[in-house]
Amino acid sequence: MAIALPLPERPLSMGRCSSASVCREAVLIVQEARSIAGLEVTVVNLDAPGQRVPLQVFATPTYILDGLVVSLGNPA
């Protein structure tokens, strides 16, 4: 009999700004991603005072999974 082991959480973060409409759509995409088992989802508001911008973020939205950029802009 096989035993199902829980998967470790994988961090998915999304850097966004508050002014772009594409970033507002990104928040909806991230809300859907929260329903995927094994993902720990974080939204980083790059407009927040004192917010440190990760070096790999140079456009918004940027999706980062396990520390690697997986999408610049919203995935299709």
Protein backbone atom coordinates (compact mmCIF):
# COMPACT_ATOMS: atom_id res chain seq x y z
CA MET A 1 0.00 0.00 0.00
CA ALA A 2 1.40 3.40 -0.99
CA ILE A 3 1.42 6.17 1.58
CA ALA A 4 0.72 9.68 0.33
CA LEU A 5 3.21 12.09 1.82
CA PRO A 6 2.37 15.80 1.97
CA LEU A 7 4.21 17.90 -0.59
CA PRO A 8 6.41 20.68 0.72
CA GLU A 9 5.05 24.17 0.20
CA ARG A 10 6.54 25.92 -2.83
CA PRO A 11 6.73 29.71 -2.58
CA LEU A 12 5.04 31.66 -5.38
CA SER A 13 5.28 35.43 -5.09
CA MET A 14 3.94 38.05 -7.43
CA GLY A 15 5.34 41.57 -7.53
CA ARG A 16 2.81 44.17 -8.54
CA CYS A 17 2.20 47.89 -8.61
CA SER A 18 -1.11 49.45 -7.68
CA SER A 19 -1.61 51.61 -10.77
CA ALA A 20 -1.46 49.25 -13.76
CA SER A 21 -4.63 47.46 -14.86
CA VAL A 22 -2.56 44.40 -15.74
CA CYS A 23 -1.51 44.22 -12.07
CA ARG A 24 -5.14 44.30 -10.94
CA GLU A 25 -5.76 41.29 -13.20
CA ALA A 26 -2.68 39.63 -11.69
CA VAL A 27 -4.27 39.78 -8.24
CA LEU A 28 -7.23 37.77 -9.58
CA ILE A 29 -4.84 35.20 -11.07
CA VAL A 30 -3.01 34.89 -7.76
CA GLN A 31 -6.30 34.41 -5.90
CA GLU A 32 -6.95 31.40 -8.15
CA ALA A 33 -3.40 30.13 -7.59
CA ARG A 34 -4.07 30.03 -3.84
CA SER A 35 -6.36 27.05 -4.47
CA ILE A 36 -3.46 24.97 -5.86
CA ALA A 37 -2.22 22.48 -3.28
CA GLY A 38 1.44 22.91 -2.39
CA LEU A 39 1.73 26.61 -3.23
CA GLU A 40 2.37 29.29 -0.63
CA VAL A 41 1.27 32.44 -2.46
CA THR A 42 2.41 35.97 -1.57
CA VAL A 43 1.54 39.26 -3.26
CA VAL A 44 4.26 41.91 -2.96
CA ASN A 45 2.99 45.47 -3.43
CA LEU A 46 6.01 47.25 -4.89
CA ASP A 47 4.41 50.66 -4.27
CA ALA A 48 4.32 50.16 -0.49
CA PRO A 49 6.61 52.54 1.40
CA GLY A 50 9.86 50.83 2.37
CA GLN A 51 9.13 47.73 0.26
CA ARG A 52 12.34 46.08 -0.95
CA VAL A 53 12.16 45.15 -4.61
CA PRO A 54 13.77 41.78 -5.42
CA LEU A 55 16.61 42.09 -7.95
CA GLN A 56 14.85 39.88 -10.49
CA VAL A 57 11.80 42.20 -10.60
CA PHE A 58 12.13 44.83 -13.32
CA ALA A 59 8.58 44.75 -14.70
CA THR A 60 5.14 44.23 -13.22
CA PRO A 61 3.60 41.87 -12.68
CA THR A 62 6.44 39.41 -12.13
CA TYR A 63 5.73 35.86 -10.95
CA ILE A 64 8.51 34.14 -8.98
CA LEU A 65 8.37 30.44 -8.11
CA ASP A 66 11.08 28.93 -5.90
CA GLY A 67 13.15 32.11 -6.39
CA LEU A 68 13.08 31.94 -10.20
CA VAL A 69 11.12 34.24 -12.50
CA VAL A 70 8.49 32.12 -14.26
CA SER A 71 6.51 34.90 -15.93
CA LEU A 72 6.89 38.58 -16.74
CA GLY A 73 3.37 39.82 -17.23
CA ASN A 74 0.27 37.71 -16.77
CA PRO A 75 0.51 34.15 -18.08
CA ALA A 76 -1.90 33.32 -20.88
